[in-house]
Amino acid sequence: MRSTRHGPAVRRRKLGEELRGLRLGAGLTSREAARLVGWHQSKVSRIETGTSGVSGADVTRLLDVYGVREPRLRALLEALAGAADGGGPGWWHAYRGVLSPPYRDFISLEAQACSARTLETSVVPGLLQTPDYARAVTRAALEGWPAATVDSLVRVRIARQEVLRADPPLRLEAVLDEAVLRREVGGRAVMREQLRRLRELAGLPHVRLQVLPFTLGGYVGLSGSFVIFSFPNISDLDVVALDHLTSSLYLERTEDLEAYCAAFRTMRARALTPEESSELIAGIGDGA
């Protein structure tokens, strides 16, 4: 069985490793760093091993002591602070009542990532969904849930798409099983608009969309969807997210990361080209 952790544990460990590297780069022992910020040495050790959470304010104090001045690196590390809230308020905090802590953490990671590679085998990726499609998927997955909760989850899913319009935007590589395009979610009109939206987004310079056709047969990722997040300035922060509708699990071991990255490269190489994929989407859309 794969080693998995919830997002908060991944964030604490990754943040601790990076802070330890910055401390060593500054030529400080953990005792010296603790003395400079007025802490006990054990607090620095707990932060670096990821055994305890750390506030954004405490991270700021450590970065000041370590002489870290690069704005984006500081912003990322400060955002990674904390066990569940990302070290600072985000738009998703308005939905704390309906979002699980792991899902809030997923959104926070997505907002801080510089790129994402995703495989989807059953539904259109959340970042590419139209509102009507998102509503149809959510209703189907959460049958019987209160309408207000469904409405909130749909608003969250659409709000997440702002990362594609940010400056700089998230770089997204999406590989979709052909089944995603042919499963009629929400009716013909909804699906026709969703397919049109896919072609529109695939035309953006920071979005690459490819399709794994039925004619390919079986492939390495057939067992399930996943997302690989990468982050600016920190080379050892990549994480694989297994994204569910209301929660997420994460894979952080080096061997897991390497396996998923290799699998994605293989699927990208075997999939239709972006141009061929666009033509397939257009053909399916015309027949919808």
Protein backbone atom coordinates (compact mmCIF):
# COMPACT_ATOMS: atom_id res chain seq x y z
CA MET A 1 0.00 0.00 0.00
CA ARG A 2 1.26 3.49 -0.84
CA SER A 3 2.40 5.81 1.93
CA THR A 4 -0.11 8.66 2.18
CA ARG A 5 -0.58 11.70 4.35
CA HIS A 6 -3.10 14.44 4.56
CA GLY A 7 -1.97 17.77 3.15
CA PRO A 8 -1.18 19.43 6.52
CA ALA A 9 1.39 16.75 7.38
CA VAL A 10 3.00 17.07 3.96
CA ARG A 11 3.14 20.84 4.31
CA ARG A 12 4.74 20.71 7.75
CA ARG A 13 7.41 18.27 6.64
CA LYS A 14 8.20 20.10 3.41
CA LEU A 15 8.31 23.45 5.16
CA GLY A 16 10.53 22.06 7.92
CA GLU A 17 13.00 20.63 5.41
CA GLU A 18 13.23 23.92 3.57
CA LEU A 19 13.69 25.95 6.76
CA ARG A 20 16.45 23.58 7.88
CA GLY A 21 18.23 24.05 4.54
CA LEU A 22 17.96 27.83 4.84
CA ARG A 23 19.30 27.71 8.39
CA LEU A 24 22.29 25.64 7.32
CA GLY A 25 22.81 27.97 4.38
CA ALA A 26 22.98 30.86 6.81
CA GLY A 27 25.68 29.02 8.77
CA LEU A 28 23.61 28.69 11.94
CA THR A 29 23.09 25.79 14.29
CA SER A 30 19.58 25.14 15.58
CA ARG A 31 20.70 26.42 19.00
CA GLU A 32 21.98 29.66 17.48
CA ALA A 33 18.81 30.16 15.44
CA ALA A 34 16.65 29.59 18.51
CA ARG A 35 18.65 32.10 20.52
CA LEU A 36 18.33 34.77 17.81
CA VAL A 37 14.52 34.50 17.77
CA GLY A 38 14.18 33.97 21.53
CA TRP A 39 12.96 30.37 21.42
CA HIS A 40 14.04 27.11 22.97
CA GLN A 41 16.10 24.92 20.66
CA SER A 42 13.43 22.20 20.80
CA LYS A 43 10.95 24.48 19.03
CA VAL A 44 13.28 24.89 16.06
CA SER A 45 13.84 21.13 15.99
CA ARG A 46 10.09 20.36 16.05
CA ILE A 47 9.49 22.81 13.21
CA GLU A 48 12.27 21.36 11.09
CA THR A 49 11.13 17.77 11.58
CA GLY A 50 7.51 18.67 10.86
CA THR A 51 6.30 17.31 14.20
CA SER A 52 4.56 20.57 15.09
CA GLY A 53 2.86 23.35 13.17
CA VAL A 54 4.28 26.83 12.81
CA SER A 55 2.57 30.15 12.28
CA GLY A 56 3.25 32.43 9.36
CA ALA A 57 4.60 35.03 11.80
CA ASP A 58 7.14 32.54 13.19
CA VAL A 59 8.26 31.62 9.67
CA THR A 60 8.74 35.31 8.93
CA ARG A 61 10.96 35.67 12.00
CA LEU A 62 13.09 32.71 10.94
CA LEU A 63 13.43 34.00 7.38
CA ASP A 64 14.56 37.36 8.73
CA VAL A 65 17.21 35.66 10.85
CA TYR A 66 18.35 33.52 7.91
CA GLY A 67 18.64 36.55 5.65
CA VAL A 68 16.04 35.36 3.13
CA ARG A 69 14.91 38.37 1.10
CA GLU A 70 13.47 36.91 -2.14
CA PRO A 71 9.76 37.94 -2.09
CA ARG A 72 8.26 34.91 -3.83
CA LEU A 73 10.21 32.45 -1.71
CA ARG A 74 9.15 34.26 1.46
CA ALA A 75 5.52 34.35 0.34
CA LEU A 76 5.48 30.64 -0.48
CA LEU A 77 7.07 29.57 2.80
CA GLU A 78 4.79 31.82 4.81
CA ALA A 79 1.77 30.41 2.96
CA LEU A 80 2.91 26.86 3.69
CA ALA A 81 2.93 27.58 7.43
CA GLY A 82 0.24 26.12 9.64
CA ALA A 83 -1.44 22.76 9.83
CA ALA A 84 -4.56 23.54 7.84
CA ASP A 85 -5.06 27.20 7.03
CA GLY A 86 -2.03 27.87 4.84
CA GLY A 87 -0.61 30.44 7.24
CA GLY A 88 -2.94 33.20 6.15
CA PRO A 89 -6.49 33.92 5.03
CA GLY A 90 -7.55 32.81 1.57
CA TRP A 91 -10.83 33.18 -0.27
CA TRP A 92 -11.65 29.54 0.54
CA HIS A 93 -11.85 30.32 4.27
CA ALA A 94 -15.33 31.71 3.68
CA TYR A 95 -16.36 28.10 2.97
CA ARG A 96 -14.82 26.47 6.05
CA GLY A 97 -18.24 25.16 7.03
CA VAL A 98 -18.54 22.95 3.93
CA LEU A 99 -14.90 22.22 3.01
CA SER A 100 -12.91 19.59 4.87
CA PRO A 101 -9.44 20.62 6.11
CA PRO A 102 -7.72 18.36 3.52
CA TYR A 103 -9.71 19.97 0.69
CA ARG A 104 -8.94 23.47 1.98
CA ASP A 105 -5.31 22.47 2.05
CA PHE A 106 -5.52 21.17 -1.51
CA ILE A 107 -6.92 24.52 -2.65
CA SER A 108 -4.16 26.37 -0.82
CA LEU A 109 -1.48 24.21 -2.47
CA GLU A 110 -3.12 24.73 -5.86
CA ALA A 111 -3.14 28.49 -5.33
CA GLN A 112 0.60 28.51 -4.54
CA ALA A 113 1.73 26.05 -7.24
CA CYS A 114 3.43 27.23 -10.42
CA SER A 115 2.41 24.17 -12.42
CA ALA A 116 0.11 21.16 -12.27
CA ARG A 117 0.09 17.93 -14.23
CA THR A 118 -3.18 16.02 -14.03
CA LEU A 119 -4.67 12.80 -15.31
CA GLU A 120 -8.46 12.49 -15.34
CA THR A 121 -10.17 9.23 -16.22
CA SER A 122 -13.85 10.01 -15.54
CA VAL A 123 -14.69 13.72 -15.35
CA VAL A 124 -13.34 17.01 -16.67
CA PRO A 125 -10.69 18.46 -14.31
CA GLY A 126 -12.15 20.96 -11.87
CA LEU A 127 -10.03 23.80 -13.24
CA LEU A 128 -11.59 23.29 -16.69
CA GLN A 129 -15.24 22.77 -15.75
CA THR A 130 -18.11 25.07 -16.72
CA PRO A 131 -20.47 26.05 -13.89
CA ASP A 132 -23.28 23.87 -15.27
CA TYR A 133 -21.00 20.87 -15.64
CA ALA A 134 -19.58 21.41 -12.14
CA ARG A 135 -23.10 21.51 -10.72
CA ALA A 136 -24.11 18.32 -12.53
CA VAL A 137 -21.01 16.47 -11.31
CA THR A 138 -21.45 17.68 -7.73
CA ARG A 139 -25.14 16.78 -7.62
CA ALA A 140 -24.42 13.31 -8.95
CA ALA A 141 -21.58 12.69 -6.50
CA LEU A 142 -23.42 14.11 -3.48
CA GLU A 143 -26.94 12.90 -4.15
CA GLY A 144 -29.23 13.85 -1.30
CA TRP A 145 -27.00 16.61 0.08
CA PRO A 146 -28.60 20.00 0.84
CA ALA A 147 -28.88 22.29 -2.16
CA ALA A 148 -27.04 25.04 -0.29
CA THR A 149 -24.04 22.77 0.25
CA VAL A 150 -23.98 21.79 -3.41
CA ASP A 151 -24.18 25.45 -4.41
CA SER A 152 -21.22 26.30 -2.14
CA LEU A 153 -19.09 23.48 -3.52
CA VAL A 154 -19.83 24.58 -7.08
CA ARG A 155 -18.83 28.16 -6.24
CA VAL A 156 -15.59 26.86 -4.74
CA ARG A 157 -14.81 24.79 -7.82
CA ILE A 158 -15.34 27.75 -10.13
CA ALA A 159 -13.41 30.13 -7.87
CA ARG A 160 -10.44 27.76 -8.00
CA GLN A 161 -10.16 28.49 -11.72
CA GLU A 162 -8.79 31.96 -10.96
CA VAL A 163 -5.31 30.36 -10.85
CA LEU A 164 -5.50 30.09 -14.64
CA ARG A 165 -6.01 33.85 -14.87
CA ALA A 166 -3.44 34.87 -12.26
CA ASP A 167 -0.22 36.73 -13.04
CA PRO A 168 1.67 34.53 -13.61
CA PRO A 169 -0.96 31.87 -14.28
CA LEU A 170 -0.77 28.25 -13.22
CA ARG A 171 0.78 26.14 -15.99
CA LEU A 172 -1.59 23.21 -16.50
CA GLU A 173 -0.95 19.99 -18.37
CA ALA A 174 -4.06 17.81 -18.51
CA VAL A 175 -4.31 14.32 -19.95
CA LEU A 176 -7.88 13.08 -20.28
CA ASP A 177 -9.26 9.65 -21.00
CA GLU A 178 -11.63 9.76 -23.99
CA ALA A 179 -14.34 8.56 -21.60
CA VAL A 180 -14.27 12.01 -19.99
CA LEU A 181 -15.39 13.54 -23.28
CA ARG A 182 -18.07 10.99 -24.08
CA ARG A 183 -19.73 10.68 -20.66
CA GLU A 184 -22.81 12.88 -20.98
CA VAL A 185 -22.87 14.82 -17.72
CA GLY A 186 -25.83 17.15 -17.19
CA GLY A 187 -27.41 16.54 -20.57
CA ARG A 188 -26.44 17.29 -24.17
CA ALA A 189 -26.50 21.07 -23.90
CA VAL A 190 -24.30 21.08 -20.80
CA MET A 191 -21.86 18.66 -22.38
CA ARG A 192 -21.73 20.56 -25.66
CA GLU A 193 -20.83 23.75 -23.80
CA GLN A 194 -18.26 21.91 -21.69
CA LEU A 195 -16.52 20.52 -24.76
CA ARG A 196 -16.48 23.97 -26.32
CA ARG A 197 -14.95 25.31 -23.13
CA LEU A 198 -12.23 22.66 -23.22
CA ARG A 199 -11.18 23.69 -26.71
CA GLU A 200 -11.19 27.34 -25.69
CA LEU A 201 -8.98 26.76 -22.64
CA ALA A 202 -6.67 24.43 -24.58
CA GLY A 203 -5.85 27.44 -26.77
CA LEU A 204 -4.26 29.28 -23.85
CA PRO A 205 -0.45 29.33 -23.93
CA HIS A 206 -0.19 27.97 -20.37
CA VAL A 207 -2.66 25.10 -20.86
CA ARG A 208 -1.77 21.84 -22.62
CA LEU A 209 -4.61 19.37 -23.16
CA GLN A 210 -4.21 15.86 -24.55
CA VAL A 211 -6.58 12.92 -24.89
CA LEU A 212 -5.92 9.21 -24.41
CA PRO A 213 -8.15 7.64 -27.11
CA PHE A 214 -10.09 4.43 -26.67
CA THR A 215 -7.98 2.88 -29.42
CA LEU A 216 -5.00 3.02 -27.08
CA GLY A 217 -6.47 0.27 -24.94
CA GLY A 218 -5.08 -0.06 -21.43
CA TYR A 219 -2.51 2.37 -20.04
CA VAL A 220 -0.53 2.91 -16.87
CA GLY A 221 -2.87 5.50 -15.32
CA LEU A 222 -6.12 3.67 -15.96
CA SER A 223 -6.57 2.88 -12.25
CA GLY A 224 -7.24 6.45 -11.16
CA SER A 225 -6.87 10.22 -11.45
CA PHE A 226 -4.13 12.30 -9.84
CA VAL A 227 -2.49 15.73 -9.81
CA ILE A 228 1.22 16.55 -9.50
CA PHE A 229 1.86 20.02 -8.08
CA SER A 230 5.18 21.84 -8.55
CA PHE A 231 6.16 25.06 -6.79
CA PRO A 232 8.44 28.01 -7.57
CA ASN A 233 11.87 28.36 -5.97
CA ILE A 234 11.77 25.05 -4.07
CA SER A 235 12.90 21.99 -6.00
CA ASP A 236 11.92 19.45 -3.34
CA LEU A 237 8.30 20.48 -2.90
CA ASP A 238 6.55 18.49 -5.62
CA VAL A 239 3.63 16.48 -4.28
CA VAL A 240 1.12 14.07 -5.80
CA ALA A 241 -2.48 14.81 -4.84
CA LEU A 242 -5.26 12.30 -5.13
CA ASP A 243 -8.15 14.74 -5.40
CA HIS A 244 -11.63 13.70 -4.34
CA LEU A 245 -14.72 15.88 -4.47
CA THR A 246 -14.52 17.06 -0.85
CA SER A 247 -11.11 15.85 0.35
CA SER A 248 -7.63 14.90 -0.82
CA LEU A 249 -4.77 12.59 0.03
CA TYR A 250 -1.12 13.16 -0.80
CA LEU A 251 1.89 11.06 -1.77
CA GLU A 252 5.23 12.55 -0.80
CA ARG A 253 7.81 9.76 -0.86
CA THR A 254 10.52 10.21 -3.48
CA GLU A 255 9.74 6.85 -5.05
CA ASP A 256 6.05 7.72 -5.33
CA LEU A 257 6.79 11.10 -6.91
CA GLU A 258 9.17 9.53 -9.41
CA ALA A 259 6.66 6.81 -10.30
CA TYR A 260 3.81 9.25 -10.91
CA CYS A 261 6.01 11.66 -12.87
CA ALA A 262 7.24 8.79 -15.05
CA ALA A 263 3.68 7.57 -15.56
CA PHE A 264 2.55 11.03 -16.61
CA ARG A 265 5.41 11.34 -19.10
CA THR A 266 4.46 7.98 -20.58
CA MET A 267 0.79 8.89 -20.92
CA ARG A 268 1.62 12.29 -22.40
CA ALA A 269 3.80 10.57 -25.01
CA ARG A 270 1.12 8.01 -25.90
CA ALA A 271 -1.79 10.47 -25.96
CA LEU A 272 -2.97 12.33 -29.03
CA THR A 273 -1.13 15.57 -29.72
CA PRO A 274 -2.81 18.77 -28.52
CA GLU A 275 -3.91 19.46 -32.10
CA GLU A 276 -5.30 15.95 -32.60
CA SER A 277 -6.99 16.16 -29.20
CA SER A 278 -8.67 19.44 -30.13
CA GLU A 279 -9.97 17.87 -33.33
CA LEU A 280 -11.36 14.89 -31.41
CA ILE A 281 -13.07 17.17 -28.88
CA ALA A 282 -14.57 19.21 -31.71
CA GLY A 283 -15.87 16.08 -33.42
CA ILE A 284 -17.48 14.76 -30.25
CA GLY A 285 -18.95 18.19 -29.55
CA ASP A 286 -20.49 18.42 -33.02
CA GLY A 287 -22.25 15.14 -32.41
CA ALA A 288 -23.45 15.99 -28.93
